[in-house]
Amino acid sequence: MNGNRISMKGRSNRADDFDFVLRDIAQNMNRSIELLNSIYEIGKQKLRNLDKARL
């Protein structure tokens, strides 16, 4: 965990907690986006099926 991150020395627990919360929010956003994409794909498939049924 080096790189551009500042050293963990001297960081308060509060900052560590904040980093954890930000990572958790980002993961939840990614899950939400994946779910929305799945719902979108299901909707597209249902519309295609309706179009086929009309023919």
PDB file of N, CA and C in Angstrom:
ATOM      1  N   MET A   1       0.832  -1.195   0.000  1.00  0.00           N
ATOM      2  CA  MET A   1       0.000   0.000   0.000  1.00  0.00           C
ATOM      3  C   MET A   1       0.867   1.245   0.000  1.00  0.00           C
ATOM      4  N   ASN A   2       1.948   1.220  -0.708  1.00  0.00           N
ATOM      5  CA  ASN A   2       2.780   2.418  -0.800  1.00  0.00           C
ATOM      6  C   ASN A   2       2.298   3.264  -1.964  1.00  0.00           C
ATOM      7  N   GLY A   3       3.189   3.678  -2.819  1.00  0.00           N
ATOM      8  CA  GLY A   3       2.784   4.474  -3.965  1.00  0.00           C
ATOM      9  C   GLY A   3       2.471   5.891  -3.564  1.00  0.00           C
ATOM     10  N   ASN A   4       1.359   6.389  -4.047  1.00  0.00           N
ATOM     11  CA  ASN A   4       0.989   7.784  -3.800  1.00  0.00           C
ATOM     12  C   ASN A   4       0.319   7.998  -2.450  1.00  0.00           C
ATOM     13  N   ARG A   5       0.000   6.928  -1.770  1.00  0.00           N
ATOM     14  CA  ARG A   5      -0.652   7.084  -0.458  1.00  0.00           C
ATOM     15  C   ARG A   5       0.345   7.582   0.565  1.00  0.00           C
ATOM     16  N   ILE A   6      -0.134   8.407   1.454  1.00  0.00           N
ATOM     17  CA  ILE A   6       0.746   8.865   2.524  1.00  0.00           C
ATOM     18  C   ILE A   6       0.926   7.733   3.518  1.00  0.00           C
ATOM     19  N   SER A   7       1.981   7.800   4.271  1.00  0.00           N
ATOM     20  CA  SER A   7       2.291   6.754   5.236  1.00  0.00           C
ATOM     21  C   SER A   7       1.163   6.610   6.238  1.00  0.00           C
ATOM     22  N   MET A   8       0.956   5.370   6.665  1.00  0.00           N
ATOM     23  CA  MET A   8      -0.071   5.131   7.676  1.00  0.00           C
ATOM     24  C   MET A   8       0.365   5.691   9.024  1.00  0.00           C
ATOM     25  N   LYS A   9       1.663   5.952   9.196  1.00  0.00           N
ATOM     26  CA  LYS A   9       2.141   6.542  10.449  1.00  0.00           C
ATOM     27  C   LYS A   9       1.512   7.919  10.613  1.00  0.00           C
ATOM     28  N   GLY A  10       0.983   8.158  11.763  1.00  0.00           N
ATOM     29  CA  GLY A  10       0.440   9.482  12.044  1.00  0.00           C
ATOM     30  C   GLY A  10      -0.978   9.686  11.562  1.00  0.00           C
ATOM     31  N   ARG A  11      -1.494   8.752  10.813  1.00  0.00           N
ATOM     32  CA  ARG A  11      -2.889   8.903  10.371  1.00  0.00           C
ATOM     33  C   ARG A  11      -3.803   8.508  11.515  1.00  0.00           C
ATOM     34  N   SER A  12      -4.835   9.260  11.682  1.00  0.00           N
ATOM     35  CA  SER A  12      -5.762   8.945  12.778  1.00  0.00           C
ATOM     36  C   SER A  12      -6.686   7.809  12.363  1.00  0.00           C
ATOM     37  N   ASN A  13      -7.288   7.189  13.343  1.00  0.00           N
ATOM     38  CA  ASN A  13      -8.274   6.150  13.047  1.00  0.00           C
ATOM     39  C   ASN A  13      -9.438   6.720  12.261  1.00  0.00           C
ATOM     40  N   ARG A  14      -9.722   7.975  12.510  1.00  0.00           N
ATOM     41  CA  ARG A  14     -10.826   8.623  11.805  1.00  0.00           C
ATOM     42  C   ARG A  14     -10.550   8.675  10.307  1.00  0.00           C
ATOM     43  N   ALA A  15      -9.322   8.992   9.927  1.00  0.00           N
ATOM     44  CA  ALA A  15      -8.964   9.026   8.508  1.00  0.00           C
ATOM     45  C   ALA A  15      -9.042   7.628   7.909  1.00  0.00           C
ATOM     46  N   ASP A  16      -8.595   6.627   8.666  1.00  0.00           N
ATOM     47  CA  ASP A  16      -8.692   5.246   8.191  1.00  0.00           C
ATOM     48  C   ASP A  16     -10.153   4.854   7.993  1.00  0.00           C
ATOM     49  N   ASP A  17     -10.995   5.241   8.942  1.00  0.00           N
ATOM     50  CA  ASP A  17     -12.423   4.951   8.828  1.00  0.00           C
ATOM     51  C   ASP A  17     -13.012   5.638   7.606  1.00  0.00           C
ATOM     52  N   PHE A  18     -12.585   6.870   7.352  1.00  0.00           N
ATOM     53  CA  PHE A  18     -13.083   7.618   6.203  1.00  0.00           C
ATOM     54  C   PHE A  18     -12.690   6.917   4.906  1.00  0.00           C
ATOM     55  N   ASP A  19     -11.442   6.450   4.824  1.00  0.00           N
ATOM     56  CA  ASP A  19     -10.998   5.701   3.642  1.00  0.00           C
ATOM     57  C   ASP A  19     -11.851   4.453   3.446  1.00  0.00           C
ATOM     58  N   PHE A  20     -12.126   3.754   4.550  1.00  0.00           N
ATOM     59  CA  PHE A  20     -12.947   2.548   4.470  1.00  0.00           C
ATOM     60  C   PHE A  20     -14.342   2.885   3.948  1.00  0.00           C
ATOM     61  N   VAL A  21     -14.920   3.957   4.470  1.00  0.00           N
ATOM     62  CA  VAL A  21     -16.265   4.361   4.051  1.00  0.00           C
ATOM     63  C   VAL A  21     -16.274   4.721   2.570  1.00  0.00           C
ATOM     64  N   LEU A  22     -15.262   5.448   2.119  1.00  0.00           N
ATOM     65  CA  LEU A  22     -15.204   5.804   0.697  1.00  0.00           C
ATOM     66  C   LEU A  22     -15.088   4.566  -0.186  1.00  0.00           C
ATOM     67  N   ARG A  23     -14.257   3.616   0.228  1.00  0.00           N
ATOM     68  CA  ARG A  23     -14.127   2.369  -0.546  1.00  0.00           C
ATOM     69  C   ARG A  23     -15.449   1.617  -0.569  1.00  0.00           C
ATOM     70  N   ASP A  24     -16.137   1.578   0.566  1.00  0.00           N
ATOM     71  CA  ASP A  24     -17.418   0.885   0.652  1.00  0.00           C
ATOM     72  C   ASP A  24     -18.459   1.551  -0.250  1.00  0.00           C
ATOM     73  N   ILE A  25     -18.485   2.876  -0.245  1.00  0.00           N
ATOM     74  CA  ILE A  25     -19.418   3.608  -1.112  1.00  0.00           C
ATOM     75  C   ILE A  25     -19.120   3.309  -2.574  1.00  0.00           C
ATOM     76  N   ALA A  26     -17.843   3.309  -2.944  1.00  0.00           N
ATOM     77  CA  ALA A  26     -17.461   3.026  -4.329  1.00  0.00           C
ATOM     78  C   ALA A  26     -17.887   1.617  -4.733  1.00  0.00           C
ATOM     79  N   GLN A  27     -17.701   0.653  -3.843  1.00  0.00           N
ATOM     80  CA  GLN A  27     -18.115  -0.722  -4.148  1.00  0.00           C
ATOM     81  C   GLN A  27     -19.626  -0.807  -4.310  1.00  0.00           C
ATOM     82  N   ASN A  28     -20.359  -0.117  -3.449  1.00  0.00           N
ATOM     83  CA  ASN A  28     -21.821  -0.120  -3.553  1.00  0.00           C
ATOM     84  C   ASN A  28     -22.284   0.542  -4.843  1.00  0.00           C
ATOM     85  N   MET A  29     -21.611   1.614  -5.243  1.00  0.00           N
ATOM     86  CA  MET A  29     -21.958   2.272  -6.505  1.00  0.00           C
ATOM     87  C   MET A  29     -21.722   1.327  -7.675  1.00  0.00           C
ATOM     88  N   ASN A  30     -20.602   0.609  -7.645  1.00  0.00           N
ATOM     89  CA  ASN A  30     -20.318  -0.341  -8.721  1.00  0.00           C
ATOM     90  C   ASN A  30     -21.373  -1.437  -8.779  1.00  0.00           C
ATOM     91  N   ARG A  31     -21.792  -1.925  -7.611  1.00  0.00           N
ATOM     92  CA  ARG A  31     -22.849  -2.942  -7.578  1.00  0.00           C
ATOM     93  C   ARG A  31     -24.151  -2.376  -8.135  1.00  0.00           C
ATOM     94  N   SER A  32     -24.458  -1.137  -7.789  1.00  0.00           N
ATOM     95  CA  SER A  32     -25.686  -0.509  -8.281  1.00  0.00           C
ATOM     96  C   SER A  32     -25.652  -0.370  -9.793  1.00  0.00           C
ATOM     97  N   ILE A  33     -24.513   0.035 -10.325  1.00  0.00           N
ATOM     98  CA  ILE A  33     -24.369   0.179 -11.775  1.00  0.00           C
ATOM     99  C   ILE A  33     -24.539  -1.170 -12.456  1.00  0.00           C
ATOM    100  N   GLU A  34     -23.942  -2.215 -11.886  1.00  0.00           N
ATOM    101  CA  GLU A  34     -24.089  -3.557 -12.457  1.00  0.00           C
ATOM    102  C   GLU A  34     -25.548  -3.997 -12.444  1.00  0.00           C
ATOM    103  N   LEU A  35     -26.256  -3.716 -11.342  1.00  0.00           N
ATOM    104  CA  LEU A  35     -27.671  -4.082 -11.266  1.00  0.00           C
ATOM    105  C   LEU A  35     -28.500  -3.307 -12.284  1.00  0.00           C
ATOM    106  N   LEU A  36     -28.228  -2.013 -12.428  1.00  0.00           N
ATOM    107  CA  LEU A  36     -28.959  -1.216 -13.413  1.00  0.00           C
ATOM    108  C   LEU A  36     -28.709  -1.721 -14.825  1.00  0.00           C
ATOM    109  N   ASN A  37     -27.467  -2.093 -15.126  1.00  0.00           N
ATOM    110  CA  ASN A  37     -27.162  -2.648 -16.445  1.00  0.00           C
ATOM    111  C   ASN A  37     -27.912  -3.954 -16.673  1.00  0.00           C
ATOM    112  N   SER A  38     -28.006  -4.778 -15.643  1.00  0.00           N
ATOM    113  CA  SER A  38     -28.747  -6.037 -15.763  1.00  0.00           C
ATOM    114  C   SER A  38     -30.227  -5.766 -16.022  1.00  0.00           C
ATOM    115  N   ILE A  39     -30.793  -4.827 -15.288  1.00  0.00           N
ATOM    116  CA  ILE A  39     -32.206  -4.480 -15.476  1.00  0.00           C
ATOM    117  C   ILE A  39     -32.433  -3.942 -16.887  1.00  0.00           C
ATOM    118  N   TYR A  40     -31.520  -3.126 -17.371  1.00  0.00           N
ATOM    119  CA  TYR A  40     -31.606  -2.571 -18.722  1.00  0.00           C
ATOM    120  C   TYR A  40     -31.581  -3.694 -19.760  1.00  0.00           C
ATOM    121  N   GLU A  41     -30.657  -4.639 -19.601  1.00  0.00           N
ATOM    122  CA  GLU A  41     -30.550  -5.757 -20.544  1.00  0.00           C
ATOM    123  C   GLU A  41     -31.809  -6.622 -20.517  1.00  0.00           C
ATOM    124  N   ILE A  42     -32.353  -6.864 -19.333  1.00  0.00           N
ATOM    125  CA  ILE A  42     -33.591  -7.643 -19.221  1.00  0.00           C
ATOM    126  C   ILE A  42     -34.727  -6.918 -19.939  1.00  0.00           C
ATOM    127  N   GLY A  43     -34.818  -5.611 -19.749  1.00  0.00           N
ATOM    128  CA  GLY A  43     -35.846  -4.818 -20.423  1.00  0.00           C
ATOM    129  C   GLY A  43     -35.709  -4.872 -21.932  1.00  0.00           C
ATOM    130  N   LYS A  44     -34.473  -4.769 -22.422  1.00  0.00           N
ATOM    131  CA  LYS A  44     -34.247  -4.857 -23.874  1.00  0.00           C
ATOM    132  C   LYS A  44     -34.684  -6.214 -24.412  1.00  0.00           C
ATOM    133  N   GLN A  45     -34.358  -7.277 -23.686  1.00  0.00           N
ATOM    134  CA  GLN A  45     -34.749  -8.625 -24.120  1.00  0.00           C
ATOM    135  C   GLN A  45     -36.265  -8.769 -24.135  1.00  0.00           C
ATOM    136  N   LYS A  46     -36.930  -8.227 -23.129  1.00  0.00           N
ATOM    137  CA  LYS A  46     -38.395  -8.311 -23.080  1.00  0.00           C
ATOM    138  C   LYS A  46     -39.017  -7.553 -24.256  1.00  0.00           C
ATOM    139  N   LEU A  47     -38.457  -6.392 -24.596  1.00  0.00           N
ATOM    140  CA  LEU A  47     -38.966  -5.646 -25.751  1.00  0.00           C
ATOM    141  C   LEU A  47     -38.758  -6.425 -27.042  1.00  0.00           C
ATOM    142  N   ARG A  48     -37.599  -7.073 -27.181  1.00  0.00           N
ATOM    143  CA  ARG A  48     -37.350  -7.894 -28.376  1.00  0.00           C
ATOM    144  C   ARG A  48     -38.364  -9.035 -28.448  1.00  0.00           C
ATOM    145  N   ASN A  49     -38.637  -9.649 -27.306  1.00  0.00           N
ATOM    146  CA  ASN A  49     -39.614 -10.743 -27.284  1.00  0.00           C
ATOM    147  C   ASN A  49     -41.009 -10.251 -27.659  1.00  0.00           C
ATOM    148  N   LEU A  50     -41.374  -9.048 -27.199  1.00  0.00           N
ATOM    149  CA  LEU A  50     -42.672  -8.481 -27.576  1.00  0.00           C
ATOM    150  C   LEU A  50     -42.735  -8.221 -29.072  1.00  0.00           C
ATOM    151  N   ASP A  51     -41.657  -7.691 -29.635  1.00  0.00           N
ATOM    152  CA  ASP A  51     -41.620  -7.440 -31.078  1.00  0.00           C
ATOM    153  C   ASP A  51     -41.772  -8.740 -31.856  1.00  0.00           C
ATOM    154  N   LYS A  52     -41.111  -9.804 -31.406  1.00  0.00           N
ATOM    155  CA  LYS A  52     -41.218 -11.108 -32.079  1.00  0.00           C
ATOM    156  C   LYS A  52     -42.643 -11.639 -31.979  1.00  0.00           C
ATOM    157  N   ALA A  53     -43.299 -11.426 -30.846  1.00  0.00           N
ATOM    158  CA  ALA A  53     -44.658 -11.931 -30.647  1.00  0.00           C
ATOM    159  C   ALA A  53     -45.649 -11.208 -31.556  1.00  0.00           C
ATOM    160  N   ARG A  54     -45.366  -9.966 -31.895  1.00  0.00           N
ATOM    161  CA  ARG A  54     -46.266  -9.190 -32.754  1.00  0.00           C
ATOM    162  C   ARG A  54     -46.185  -9.628 -34.204  1.00  0.00           C
ATOM    163  N   LEU A  55     -45.056 -10.205 -34.600  1.00  0.00           N
ATOM    164  CA  LEU A  55     -44.870 -10.600 -36.009  1.00  0.00           C
ATOM    165  C   LEU A  55     -45.584 -11.854 -36.376  1.00  0.00           C
TER     166      LEU A  55
END
